[in-house]
Amino acid sequence: MIKLSTFITTLILLSASLTAVAQNENQRAAEYIKQYKQIAIDEMVRTGVPASITLAQGVLETGGGQSDLASIANNHFGIKCKSGWNGETYLHDDDAKNECFRKYPTVEASFRDHSDFLRLRPNYAFLFKLDPTDYEGWAKGLKKAGYATNPMYSQKLLKIIVENNLQEYTLLALQGKSANEAQIFTAKNEKEAPKETSVEESTESAKVIETVVTTASQGDLKPMIPSGGANYEAGKIFVINDARVLYAPAGTSLFALANEHNISYKKLLDFNDLPEMDIINNDQLVFLQKKPKRGRTDIHIVQANENLHQISQTEGIQLASVLEFNRLAKGMQPARGEKLYLKYPAPASPKLASNSQTLALAATEMR
């Protein structure tokens, strides 16, 4: 028979052990959030996915950055290969043995793909009609849409959000502030900001684009921005930043496109900031009307191997506006990770890429 004192001692030790585990998990979560909060804010500005949701999913899916998927494959959101993924892969046991997961070159690429994964799939479209501060609606909606099989998935996300006050980062994104500004923001910062943004403008800039207007049914929607070598259905018309656009694979004739859509050839070139050419050599977006002078979001973060022409196309903004807002001239190439302003003038020009990178990227603009 177990003595009462022994039983009590066992309970105390078990309780201490569980407390230590919980504290360790909380510490890992805090460190993860501190490291990746700015990426989550930038992604919310770019796509409308709430920063609180992105961070909570990252913490949960990686165990605070400790999972093999995160450390080996830079996959922070448990996104499996699925059809159309042509990037690197990593085999990992999940619901079944040796399932195929996406492998990314950087953590930033994983965050970006996660945002696009949600933004561009019709089963998640209803989430973007929610207020971005409605993290409970988003958490429950992700489970409803089939993001995860764990029946407690939404509750786990909500617990992480509440315990770590992740709503703070959603609000920062809506206000157009960075994670660092949450701690050092002062009246002086406010005075020096490039533009005072109204509540209405801030909310509008953080909302996702009403994702797609297309001739296809909702079930037929394809990703609207070429990224990562995914499959796209050529000729389908959709909308980016209120401008009609289609995906054209390499080998497409611009003369034929102009004729098919009753647009003059010269206007088609002008709409897409292209030099005189007929056959395009690379897969790309082709706009069928003039792009707006202002972007759909405030800021674009320059990615690796991304030139200014590609940015103007994926964001649906005139190239001349990108150059003007950011104090750039043709031929200049901002460095990876720099912020490009898409709605109003930048406070300063972005840092430029090295000469070799600039030449390489400039060459791709003409292909």
Protein backbone atom coordinates (compact mmCIF):
# COMPACT_ATOMS: atom_id res chain seq x y z
CA MET A 1 0.00 0.00 0.00
CA ILE A 2 1.37 3.39 -1.05
CA LYS A 3 1.93 5.77 1.82
CA LEU A 4 0.06 9.08 1.68
CA SER A 5 3.32 11.03 1.95
CA THR A 6 4.77 9.17 -1.04
CA PHE A 7 1.62 9.81 -3.07
CA ILE A 8 1.71 13.52 -2.27
CA THR A 9 5.41 13.73 -3.15
CA THR A 10 4.70 12.05 -6.50
CA LEU A 11 1.93 14.55 -7.24
CA ILE A 12 4.21 17.46 -6.36
CA LEU A 13 6.98 16.15 -8.63
CA LEU A 14 4.51 15.52 -11.47
CA SER A 15 3.07 19.00 -11.09
CA ALA A 16 6.55 20.54 -11.10
CA SER A 17 7.45 18.56 -14.19
CA LEU A 18 4.33 19.68 -16.05
CA THR A 19 4.95 23.27 -15.00
CA ALA A 20 8.52 23.11 -16.31
CA VAL A 21 7.28 21.71 -19.64
CA ALA A 22 4.67 24.46 -19.94
CA GLN A 23 7.24 27.15 -19.12
CA ASN A 24 9.61 25.73 -21.72
CA GLU A 25 6.85 25.75 -24.35
CA ASN A 26 5.92 29.33 -23.44
CA GLN A 27 9.54 30.42 -23.72
CA ARG A 28 9.93 28.80 -27.14
CA ALA A 29 6.72 30.45 -28.31
CA ALA A 30 7.90 33.87 -27.09
CA GLU A 31 11.25 33.47 -28.84
CA TYR A 32 9.55 32.36 -32.06
CA ILE A 33 7.19 35.34 -32.03
CA LYS A 34 10.03 37.76 -31.35
CA GLN A 35 12.02 36.37 -34.27
CA TYR A 36 9.24 36.25 -36.89
CA LYS A 37 6.71 38.92 -35.88
CA GLN A 38 7.89 41.41 -38.51
CA ILE A 39 7.52 38.89 -41.33
CA ALA A 40 3.94 38.19 -40.17
CA ILE A 41 3.18 41.92 -40.14
CA ASP A 42 4.64 42.40 -43.63
CA GLU A 43 2.65 39.45 -44.93
CA MET A 44 -0.56 40.89 -43.49
CA VAL A 45 0.11 44.18 -45.27
CA ARG A 46 0.80 42.26 -48.49
CA THR A 47 -2.07 39.79 -48.42
CA GLY A 48 -4.50 40.47 -45.57
CA VAL A 49 -3.80 37.28 -43.58
CA PRO A 50 -3.96 38.47 -39.94
CA ALA A 51 -0.53 38.57 -38.31
CA SER A 52 -1.99 37.01 -35.16
CA ILE A 53 -3.15 33.96 -37.13
CA THR A 54 0.13 33.59 -39.02
CA LEU A 55 2.20 33.68 -35.84
CA ALA A 56 -0.13 31.35 -33.94
CA GLN A 57 -0.05 28.82 -36.77
CA GLY A 58 3.73 29.07 -36.95
CA VAL A 59 4.11 28.48 -33.22
CA LEU A 60 1.69 25.55 -33.26
CA GLU A 61 2.92 23.85 -36.44
CA THR A 62 6.61 24.08 -35.50
CA GLY A 63 6.42 23.62 -31.75
CA GLY A 64 7.95 27.05 -31.35
CA GLY A 65 10.42 26.51 -34.19
CA GLN A 66 11.64 23.09 -33.01
CA SER A 67 10.08 20.75 -35.58
CA ASP A 68 12.06 18.86 -38.23
CA LEU A 69 9.90 20.45 -40.92
CA ALA A 70 10.96 23.89 -39.73
CA SER A 71 14.63 23.19 -39.06
CA ILE A 72 15.32 21.01 -42.12
CA ALA A 73 12.77 22.16 -44.72
CA ASN A 74 12.04 25.75 -43.55
CA ASN A 75 8.38 24.67 -43.63
CA HIS A 76 6.71 26.54 -40.78
CA PHE A 77 3.07 25.82 -41.64
CA GLY A 78 2.92 22.11 -42.43
CA ILE A 79 2.01 22.73 -46.07
CA LYS A 80 2.12 19.52 -48.08
CA CYS A 81 3.26 19.31 -51.70
CA LYS A 82 -0.18 19.01 -53.32
CA SER A 83 -0.64 19.21 -57.09
CA GLY A 84 1.29 21.90 -58.90
CA TRP A 85 4.22 22.13 -56.48
CA ASN A 86 7.47 21.89 -58.46
CA GLY A 87 9.84 23.09 -55.75
CA GLU A 88 11.99 21.00 -53.44
CA THR A 89 10.28 18.45 -51.22
CA TYR A 90 10.81 16.78 -47.85
CA LEU A 91 9.35 13.44 -46.78
CA HIS A 92 7.92 13.45 -43.27
CA ASP A 93 5.61 11.20 -41.26
CA ASP A 94 2.31 12.93 -40.54
CA ASP A 95 -1.17 11.48 -41.06
CA ALA A 96 0.61 8.79 -43.07
CA LYS A 97 4.22 7.63 -43.38
CA ASN A 98 6.61 9.55 -45.68
CA GLU A 99 4.16 12.25 -46.77
CA CYS A 100 5.42 14.88 -49.19
CA PHE A 101 5.92 18.36 -47.73
CA ARG A 102 7.14 21.55 -49.39
CA LYS A 103 10.73 22.55 -48.75
CA TYR A 104 11.69 26.23 -48.91
CA PRO A 105 15.03 28.00 -49.40
CA THR A 106 14.26 30.45 -46.56
CA VAL A 107 11.82 30.96 -43.70
CA GLU A 108 10.55 34.09 -45.45
CA ALA A 109 9.61 31.97 -48.46
CA SER A 110 7.58 29.68 -46.19
CA PHE A 111 5.68 32.63 -44.69
CA ARG A 112 5.02 34.05 -48.15
CA ASP A 113 3.78 30.72 -49.52
CA HIS A 114 1.54 30.27 -46.49
CA SER A 115 -0.11 33.64 -47.15
CA ASP A 116 -0.59 32.86 -50.83
CA PHE A 117 -1.80 29.34 -50.00
CA LEU A 118 -4.68 30.85 -48.00
CA ARG A 119 -5.30 33.80 -50.27
CA LEU A 120 -5.49 31.91 -53.55
CA ARG A 121 -7.55 28.84 -52.68
CA PRO A 122 -11.34 29.11 -52.97
CA ASN A 123 -12.05 27.09 -49.80
CA TYR A 124 -10.38 29.86 -47.74
CA ALA A 125 -11.95 32.79 -49.63
CA PHE A 126 -14.68 33.32 -47.00
CA LEU A 127 -12.02 34.08 -44.37
CA PHE A 128 -11.00 37.27 -46.15
CA LYS A 129 -14.52 38.64 -45.75
CA LEU A 130 -14.01 38.63 -41.97
CA ASP A 131 -12.69 41.61 -40.08
CA PRO A 132 -8.90 41.07 -39.85
CA THR A 133 -9.13 41.56 -36.08
CA ASP A 134 -11.61 38.67 -35.78
CA TYR A 135 -8.98 36.10 -34.86
CA GLU A 136 -11.60 33.76 -33.40
CA GLY A 137 -13.47 33.69 -36.70
CA TRP A 138 -10.23 33.03 -38.56
CA ALA A 139 -9.13 30.27 -36.19
CA LYS A 140 -12.45 28.45 -36.42
CA GLY A 141 -12.65 29.11 -40.15
CA LEU A 142 -9.27 27.50 -40.82
CA LYS A 143 -10.43 24.32 -39.14
CA LYS A 144 -13.76 24.43 -41.00
CA ALA A 145 -11.96 24.90 -44.33
CA GLY A 146 -9.84 21.80 -43.69
CA TYR A 147 -6.44 23.30 -42.91
CA ALA A 148 -5.80 20.71 -40.18
CA THR A 149 -7.27 17.39 -39.08
CA ASN A 150 -6.79 17.96 -35.33
CA PRO A 151 -10.29 18.57 -33.87
CA MET A 152 -8.76 20.96 -31.32
CA TYR A 153 -6.86 23.00 -33.92
CA SER A 154 -8.87 26.22 -33.58
CA GLN A 155 -8.80 26.05 -29.77
CA LYS A 156 -5.03 25.60 -29.81
CA LEU A 157 -4.63 28.64 -32.07
CA LEU A 158 -6.86 30.77 -29.86
CA LYS A 159 -4.92 29.77 -26.75
CA ILE A 160 -1.62 30.82 -28.38
CA ILE A 161 -3.08 34.12 -29.58
CA VAL A 162 -4.53 35.07 -26.20
CA GLU A 163 -1.56 33.94 -24.09
CA ASN A 164 0.94 35.82 -26.28
CA ASN A 165 -1.22 38.86 -27.06
CA LEU A 166 -0.74 38.27 -30.80
CA GLN A 167 -3.61 40.61 -31.66
CA GLU A 168 -1.07 43.39 -31.06
CA TYR A 169 0.70 42.53 -34.32
CA THR A 170 -2.52 42.52 -36.32
CA LEU A 171 -3.27 46.01 -35.02
CA LEU A 172 0.25 47.15 -35.89
CA ALA A 173 -0.21 45.96 -39.45
CA LEU A 174 -3.53 47.82 -39.70
CA GLN A 175 -1.81 50.98 -38.46
CA GLY A 176 1.07 50.54 -40.88
CA LYS A 177 3.66 50.22 -38.10
CA SER A 178 6.53 47.78 -37.76
CA ALA A 179 7.09 45.41 -34.85
CA ASN A 180 9.94 47.58 -33.53
CA GLU A 181 7.72 50.66 -33.60
CA ALA A 182 5.43 48.95 -31.12
CA GLN A 183 8.09 49.61 -28.50
CA ILE A 184 9.73 52.85 -29.65
CA PHE A 185 6.87 54.68 -31.36
CA THR A 186 6.71 58.30 -30.19
CA ALA A 187 5.19 61.60 -31.23
CA LYS A 188 8.40 62.29 -33.13
CA ASN A 189 7.95 59.09 -35.14
CA GLU A 190 4.40 60.14 -35.93
CA LYS A 191 5.58 63.53 -37.16
CA GLU A 192 8.25 62.02 -39.39
CA ALA A 193 5.98 59.39 -40.93
CA PRO A 194 5.64 59.84 -44.70
CA LYS A 195 1.88 60.11 -44.46
CA GLU A 196 -0.77 60.16 -41.78
CA THR A 197 -3.12 57.34 -42.65
CA SER A 198 -6.77 57.48 -41.67
CA VAL A 199 -8.45 54.57 -39.92
CA GLU A 200 -10.46 53.88 -43.06
CA GLU A 201 -7.35 53.81 -45.28
CA SER A 202 -5.42 51.63 -42.85
CA THR A 203 -8.23 49.11 -42.64
CA GLU A 204 -8.64 49.08 -46.40
CA SER A 205 -4.94 48.57 -47.04
CA ALA A 206 -4.84 45.56 -44.75
CA LYS A 207 -7.84 43.84 -46.26
CA VAL A 208 -7.07 41.21 -48.82
CA ILE A 209 -8.01 41.89 -52.38
CA GLU A 210 -11.39 40.46 -53.11
CA THR A 211 -9.30 37.64 -54.34
CA VAL A 212 -10.42 36.82 -57.79
CA VAL A 213 -12.91 37.80 -60.45
CA THR A 214 -12.81 35.07 -63.02
CA THR A 215 -14.77 33.51 -65.82
CA ALA A 216 -14.29 30.15 -64.09
CA SER A 217 -16.46 28.82 -61.30
CA GLN A 218 -15.17 29.04 -57.73
CA GLY A 219 -14.15 25.41 -57.90
CA ASP A 220 -11.95 26.11 -60.93
CA LEU A 221 -9.90 28.93 -59.46
CA LYS A 222 -6.14 28.76 -59.98
CA PRO A 223 -3.41 30.69 -58.12
CA MET A 224 -3.33 34.16 -59.58
CA ILE A 225 0.33 35.07 -59.21
CA PRO A 226 3.03 32.88 -60.77
CA SER A 227 5.20 31.73 -57.88
CA GLY A 228 7.12 28.57 -57.15
CA GLY A 229 6.37 26.93 -60.50
CA ALA A 230 2.74 26.09 -59.77
CA ASN A 231 0.27 25.12 -62.51
CA TYR A 232 -1.94 27.83 -63.98
CA GLU A 233 -4.64 27.65 -66.58
CA ALA A 234 -3.66 29.84 -69.50
CA GLY A 235 -6.24 32.33 -70.71
CA LYS A 236 -8.36 32.49 -67.57
CA ILE A 237 -9.18 36.12 -66.80
CA PHE A 238 -9.05 37.32 -63.20
CA VAL A 239 -8.38 40.59 -61.38
CA ILE A 240 -5.39 42.06 -59.58
CA ASN A 241 -5.80 45.52 -58.06
CA ASP A 242 -9.03 46.09 -60.02
CA ALA A 243 -7.33 45.40 -63.37
CA ARG A 244 -8.17 42.43 -65.61
CA VAL A 245 -5.25 40.08 -66.18
CA LEU A 246 -4.51 36.60 -67.46
CA TYR A 247 -1.67 34.11 -67.15
CA ALA A 248 0.30 33.61 -70.38
CA PRO A 249 2.81 30.76 -70.66
CA ALA A 250 6.11 31.07 -72.52
CA GLY A 251 5.59 30.98 -76.28
CA THR A 252 2.41 33.07 -76.20
CA SER A 253 2.05 35.62 -79.02
CA LEU A 254 1.22 39.12 -77.81
CA PHE A 255 -0.16 39.95 -81.26
CA ALA A 256 -2.56 37.03 -80.95
CA LEU A 257 -3.58 38.02 -77.41
CA ALA A 258 -4.26 41.60 -78.48
CA ASN A 259 -6.39 40.40 -81.38
CA GLU A 260 -8.27 37.87 -79.26
CA HIS A 261 -9.23 40.47 -76.65
CA ASN A 262 -9.87 43.35 -79.09
CA ILE A 263 -6.97 45.43 -77.78
CA SER A 264 -4.42 47.21 -79.94
CA TYR A 265 -0.97 45.67 -79.84
CA LYS A 266 0.63 48.94 -78.71
CA LYS A 267 -1.86 49.31 -75.85
CA LEU A 268 -1.14 45.77 -74.69
CA LEU A 269 2.57 46.61 -74.53
CA ASP A 270 1.79 49.82 -72.65
CA PHE A 271 -0.50 48.04 -70.17
CA ASN A 272 2.33 45.66 -69.32
CA ASP A 273 5.35 48.00 -69.47
CA LEU A 274 6.87 45.85 -72.21
CA PRO A 275 9.21 46.71 -75.10
CA GLU A 276 8.18 45.79 -78.63
CA MET A 277 8.06 42.02 -78.94
CA ASP A 278 5.72 39.29 -80.08
CA ILE A 279 6.55 35.93 -78.53
CA ILE A 280 7.15 36.00 -74.78
CA ASN A 281 9.96 33.76 -73.58
CA ASN A 282 8.87 33.34 -69.94
CA ASP A 283 5.62 32.52 -68.18
CA GLN A 284 4.10 35.80 -67.03
CA LEU A 285 1.02 37.84 -66.21
CA VAL A 286 -0.44 39.93 -69.03
CA PHE A 287 -2.82 42.77 -68.17
CA LEU A 288 -5.72 43.49 -70.50
CA GLN A 289 -6.23 47.02 -69.22
CA LYS A 290 -4.08 49.76 -67.76
CA LYS A 291 -2.81 49.05 -64.27
CA PRO A 292 -3.65 51.57 -61.51
CA LYS A 293 -1.09 54.15 -60.41
CA ARG A 294 -1.43 53.05 -56.78
CA GLY A 295 -0.99 49.56 -55.35
CA ARG A 296 -3.51 47.36 -53.60
CA THR A 297 -1.30 47.28 -50.46
CA ASP A 298 1.02 49.83 -48.91
CA ILE A 299 4.29 47.92 -49.12
CA HIS A 300 5.95 45.12 -51.08
CA ILE A 301 8.96 43.28 -49.63
CA VAL A 302 11.48 42.51 -52.38
CA GLN A 303 12.09 38.79 -52.75
CA ALA A 304 15.14 36.97 -54.11
CA ASN A 305 15.44 37.04 -57.92
CA GLU A 306 12.52 39.47 -58.23
CA ASN A 307 12.90 42.44 -60.56
CA LEU A 308 10.90 45.67 -60.66
CA HIS A 309 8.88 44.64 -63.70
CA GLN A 310 7.79 41.42 -62.02
CA ILE A 311 6.84 43.35 -58.88
CA SER A 312 4.76 45.84 -60.87
CA GLN A 313 2.94 42.93 -62.53
CA THR A 314 2.28 40.82 -59.44
CA GLU A 315 1.11 43.88 -57.49
CA GLY A 316 -0.89 45.27 -60.42
CA ILE A 317 0.66 48.75 -60.37
CA GLN A 318 2.25 50.81 -63.12
CA LEU A 319 6.02 50.46 -63.22
CA ALA A 320 6.39 54.24 -63.46
CA SER A 321 4.61 54.61 -60.13
CA VAL A 322 6.89 52.07 -58.43
CA LEU A 323 9.91 54.03 -59.67
CA GLU A 324 8.45 57.40 -58.65
CA PHE A 325 7.24 56.38 -55.19
CA ASN A 326 10.59 54.81 -54.33
CA ARG A 327 12.91 57.39 -55.91
CA LEU A 328 14.32 54.88 -58.36
CA ALA A 329 15.36 55.13 -61.99
CA LYS A 330 15.03 52.51 -64.70
CA GLY A 331 17.77 49.93 -64.39
CA MET A 332 18.01 50.20 -60.61
CA GLN A 333 17.30 47.06 -58.60
CA PRO A 334 16.40 47.19 -54.88
CA ALA A 335 18.09 44.60 -52.67
CA ARG A 336 16.27 41.57 -51.36
CA GLY A 337 14.27 42.34 -48.22
CA GLU A 338 13.90 46.05 -48.98
CA LYS A 339 10.49 47.71 -48.73
CA LEU A 340 8.91 49.21 -51.84
CA TYR A 341 6.12 51.70 -51.24
CA LEU A 342 3.11 51.22 -53.52
CA LYS A 343 0.61 53.85 -52.40
CA TYR A 344 2.62 56.91 -51.44
CA PRO A 345 6.20 58.21 -51.61
CA ALA A 346 8.80 56.34 -49.61
CA PRO A 347 10.65 58.24 -46.86
CA ALA A 348 13.93 57.20 -48.52
CA SER A 349 15.17 55.19 -51.48
CA PRO A 350 15.64 51.45 -50.83
CA LYS A 351 19.10 49.92 -50.68
CA LEU A 352 20.19 48.60 -54.05
CA ALA A 353 21.34 45.13 -55.01
CA SER A 354 24.92 44.49 -56.06
CA ASN A 355 25.91 45.32 -59.63
CA SER A 356 26.01 41.67 -60.68
CA GLN A 357 22.55 41.03 -59.25
CA THR A 358 21.20 44.16 -60.89
CA LEU A 359 22.52 43.17 -64.30
CA ALA A 360 21.12 39.65 -63.99
CA LEU A 361 17.68 40.83 -62.94
CA ALA A 362 17.58 43.61 -65.50
CA ALA A 363 18.23 41.04 -68.18
CA THR A 364 15.16 39.06 -67.11
CA GLU A 365 12.97 42.14 -67.52
CA MET A 366 13.55 42.05 -71.27
CA ARG A 367 12.83 38.36 -71.78
